[in-house]
C-alpha atoms as a PDB file:
ATOM      1  CA  MET A   1      28.625   5.630  14.094  1.00  0.00           C
ATOM      2  CA  SER A   2      28.787   5.664  10.462  1.00  0.00           C
ATOM      3  CA  ALA A   3      25.785   4.886   8.231  1.00  0.00           C
ATOM      4  CA  TRP A   4      27.647   2.213   6.262  1.00  0.00           C
ATOM      5  CA  ILE A   5      28.452   0.315   9.602  1.00  0.00           C
ATOM      6  CA  ASP A   6      24.746   0.542  10.351  1.00  0.00           C
ATOM      7  CA  LEU A   7      23.968  -0.959   7.090  1.00  0.00           C
ATOM      8  CA  LEU A   8      26.395  -3.912   7.622  1.00  0.00           C
ATOM      9  CA  LYS A   9      25.268  -4.461  11.404  1.00  0.00           C
ATOM     10  CA  GLY A  10      21.605  -4.497   9.985  1.00  0.00           C
ATOM     11  CA  GLU A  11      22.388  -7.080   7.377  1.00  0.00           C
ATOM     12  CA  VAL A  12      24.371  -9.283   9.800  1.00  0.00           C
ATOM     13  CA  ASP A  13      21.246  -9.218  12.292  1.00  0.00           C
ATOM     14  CA  ALA A  14      19.052  -9.904   9.505  1.00  0.00           C
ATOM     15  CA  THR A  15      21.103 -13.018   8.084  1.00  0.00           C
ATOM     16  CA  SER A  16      24.624 -13.784   9.391  1.00  0.00           C
ATOM     17  CA  ILE A  17      28.062 -12.734   9.408  1.00  0.00           C
ATOM     18  CA  THR A  18      28.776 -15.562   6.670  1.00  0.00           C
ATOM     19  CA  ALA A  19      25.809 -14.682   4.491  1.00  0.00           C
ATOM     20  CA  THR A  20      26.715 -11.045   4.594  1.00  0.00           C
ATOM     21  CA  ALA A  21      30.454 -11.567   3.759  1.00  0.00           C
ATOM     22  CA  THR A  22      29.377 -13.856   0.683  1.00  0.00           C
ATOM     23  CA  ARG A  23      26.975 -11.116  -0.410  1.00  0.00           C
ATOM     24  CA  LEU A  24      29.668  -8.507  -0.038  1.00  0.00           C
ATOM     25  CA  GLY A  25      32.211 -10.682  -1.784  1.00  0.00           C
ATOM     26  CA  VAL A  26      34.786 -10.304   1.344  1.00  0.00           C
ATOM     27  CA  SER A  27      35.816 -12.598   3.787  1.00  0.00           C
ATOM     28  CA  ARG A  28      33.778 -13.513   6.959  1.00  0.00           C
ATOM     29  CA  THR A  29      36.829 -12.444   9.116  1.00  0.00           C
ATOM     30  CA  ALA A  30      36.900  -9.014   7.532  1.00  0.00           C
ATOM     31  CA  VAL A  31      33.321  -8.528   8.363  1.00  0.00           C
ATOM     32  CA  SER A  32      33.715  -9.958  11.897  1.00  0.00           C
ATOM     33  CA  LEU A  33      36.755  -7.556  12.657  1.00  0.00           C
ATOM     34  CA  VAL A  34      34.971  -4.483  11.070  1.00  0.00           C
ATOM     35  CA  LEU A  35      32.034  -4.971  13.526  1.00  0.00           C
ATOM     36  CA  SER A  36      34.390  -5.489  16.418  1.00  0.00           C
ATOM     37  CA  ASP A  37      36.291  -2.382  15.620  1.00  0.00           C
ATOM     38  CA  LYS A  38      39.562  -4.411  15.343  1.00  0.00           C
ATOM     39  CA  TYR A  39      40.076  -4.095  11.240  1.00  0.00           C
ATOM     40  CA  PRO A  40      43.600  -3.510  10.784  1.00  0.00           C
ATOM     41  CA  ALA A  41      43.440  -1.825   7.576  1.00  0.00           C
ATOM     42  CA  LYS A  42      41.647   1.428   6.317  1.00  0.00           C
ATOM     43  CA  THR A  43      37.996   0.729   5.906  1.00  0.00           C
ATOM     44  CA  ASP A  44      37.395   2.997   2.946  1.00  0.00           C
ATOM     45  CA  ARG A  45      37.232   0.149   0.398  1.00  0.00           C
ATOM     46  CA  MET A  46      34.946  -1.884   2.760  1.00  0.00           C
ATOM     47  CA  ALA A  47      32.771   1.032   3.350  1.00  0.00           C
ATOM     48  CA  LYS A  48      32.301   1.740  -0.327  1.00  0.00           C
ATOM     49  CA  ARG A  49      31.462  -1.972  -1.015  1.00  0.00           C
ATOM     50  CA  VAL A  50      28.843  -2.046   1.764  1.00  0.00           C
ATOM     51  CA  VAL A  51      27.059   0.990   0.349  1.00  0.00           C
ATOM     52  CA  GLU A  52      27.114  -0.345  -3.192  1.00  0.00           C
ATOM     53  CA  VAL A  53      25.512  -3.681  -2.116  1.00  0.00           C
ATOM     54  CA  LEU A  54      23.424  -2.686   0.914  1.00  0.00           C
ATOM     55  CA  GLY A  55      22.663   0.867   0.355  1.00  0.00           C
ATOM     56  CA  ALA A  56      19.179   1.625  -0.897  1.00  0.00           C
ATOM     57  CA  VAL A  57      18.107   3.672  -3.836  1.00  0.00           C
ATOM     58  CA  ILE A  58      14.517   4.857  -4.576  1.00  0.00           C
ATOM     59  CA  CYS A  59      13.736   3.791  -8.072  1.00  0.00           C
ATOM     60  CA  PRO A  60      11.153   6.259  -9.596  1.00  0.00           C
ATOM     61  CA  VAL A  61      10.091   3.806 -12.145  1.00  0.00           C
ATOM     62  CA  LEU A  62       9.432   0.906  -9.842  1.00  0.00           C
ATOM     63  CA  GLY A  63       8.217   3.201  -6.793  1.00  0.00           C
ATOM     64  CA  GLU A  64      10.377   1.035  -4.333  1.00  0.00           C
ATOM     65  CA  SER A  65      13.803   0.754  -2.673  1.00  0.00           C
ATOM     66  CA  ILE A  66      16.397  -1.175  -4.744  1.00  0.00           C
ATOM     67  CA  THR A  67      20.116  -1.763  -4.114  1.00  0.00           C
ATOM     68  CA  PRO A  68      22.587   0.318  -6.121  1.00  0.00           C
ATOM     69  CA  GLU A  69      23.718  -2.648  -7.618  1.00  0.00           C
ATOM     70  CA  ARG A  70      20.368  -3.601  -9.029  1.00  0.00           C
ATOM     71  CA  CYS A  71      19.861   0.123 -10.279  1.00  0.00           C
ATOM     72  CA  HIS A  72      23.158   0.103 -12.125  1.00  0.00           C
ATOM     73  CA  GLY A  73      21.963  -3.047 -13.622  1.00  0.00           C
ATOM     74  CA  TYR A  74      18.910  -1.436 -15.100  1.00  0.00           C
ATOM     75  CA  ARG A  75      20.638   1.590 -16.381  1.00  0.00           C
ATOM     76  CA  SER A  76      23.600  -0.194 -17.831  1.00  0.00           C
ATOM     77  CA  MET A  77      22.092  -3.057 -19.643  1.00  0.00           C
ATOM     78  CA  ARG A  78      21.607  -2.922 -23.454  1.00  0.00           C
ATOM     79  CA  ALA A  79      18.437  -1.351 -24.661  1.00  0.00           C
ATOM     80  CA  PRO A  80      15.760  -4.155 -24.412  1.00  0.00           C
ATOM     81  CA  THR A  81      14.149  -3.528 -27.813  1.00  0.00           C
ATOM     82  CA  HIS A  82      12.110  -6.610 -27.583  1.00  0.00           C
ATOM     83  CA  ASN A  83      10.235  -5.592 -24.646  1.00  0.00           C
ATOM     84  CA  PRO A  84       8.070  -2.234 -24.588  1.00  0.00           C
ATOM     85  CA  ILE A  85       7.780  -2.197 -20.895  1.00  0.00           C
ATOM     86  CA  ALA A  86      11.492  -2.996 -20.071  1.00  0.00           C
ATOM     87  CA  MET A  87      12.471  -0.444 -22.893  1.00  0.00           C
ATOM     88  CA  ARG A  88      10.239   2.438 -21.062  1.00  0.00           C
ATOM     89  CA  HIS A  89      12.097   1.584 -17.771  1.00  0.00           C
ATOM     90  CA  TRP A  90      15.458   1.542 -19.560  1.00  0.00           C
ATOM     91  CA  ARG A  91      15.021   4.816 -21.057  1.00  0.00           C
ATOM     92  CA  ALA A  92      13.700   6.370 -17.612  1.00  0.00           C
ATOM     93  CA  CYS A  93      17.124   5.060 -16.278  1.00  0.00           C
ATOM     94  CA  GLN A  94      19.175   7.018 -18.715  1.00  0.00           C
ATOM     95  CA  ARG A  95      17.714  10.233 -17.429  1.00  0.00           C
ATOM     96  CA  CYS A  96      17.117   9.361 -13.901  1.00  0.00           C
ATOM     97  CA  PRO A  97      18.694  11.600 -11.073  1.00  0.00           C
ATOM     98  CA  ASN A  98      19.964   8.307  -9.331  1.00  0.00           C
ATOM     99  CA  ASN A  99      22.162   7.919 -12.530  1.00  0.00           C
ATOM    100  CA  PRO A 100      25.482   9.461 -12.224  1.00  0.00           C
ATOM    101  CA  THR A 101      25.829   9.686 -15.993  1.00  0.00           C
ATOM    102  CA  ALA A 102      22.322  10.741 -16.674  1.00  0.00           C
ATOM    103  CA  GLN A 103      21.589  12.778 -19.910  1.00  0.00           C
ATOM    104  CA  THR A 104      19.433  15.410 -18.479  1.00  0.00           C
ATOM    105  CA  ASP A 105      20.590  18.055 -20.717  1.00  0.00           C
ATOM    106  CA  LYS A 106      18.090  18.980 -23.550  1.00  0.00           C
ATOM    107  CA  PRO A 107      19.446  19.504 -27.079  1.00  0.00           C
ATOM    108  CA  GLU A 108      19.284  23.406 -27.945  1.00  0.00           C
ATOM    109  CA  ASN A 109      17.675  22.734 -31.130  1.00  0.00           C
ATOM    110  CA  SER A 110      14.864  20.290 -29.843  1.00  0.00           C
ATOM    111  CA  ASN A 111      11.798  19.913 -32.050  1.00  0.00           C
ATOM    112  CA  ALA A 112       9.935  19.281 -28.707  1.00  0.00           C
ATOM    113  CA  ASP A 113       9.465  22.954 -28.190  1.00  0.00           C
ATOM    114  CA  ARG A 114       7.902  23.741 -31.389  1.00  0.00           C
END
């Protein structure tokens, strides 16, 4: 069984098919058909959506498990210059290993090495 199906089943068990479908932004029928293994089309897009919404990411800053959507929200928001704590979090997100666009390369002529 696929991991994304387990995520989907777990969410349905914890809430309901209707609530899960609403959270995923898909129809209740689509969720029901996937769970009963009768979905007539490819499940690639559904699998991607389930992982995006229901999958877990361990946030090094928060020290807890968050959804990929919430992780994306933190790293893609504008720099919160009005709040020093939020700014530290935002800066950490820019270099986080969970960020596919993380800027982890150190500049060659950095003054930090001097």
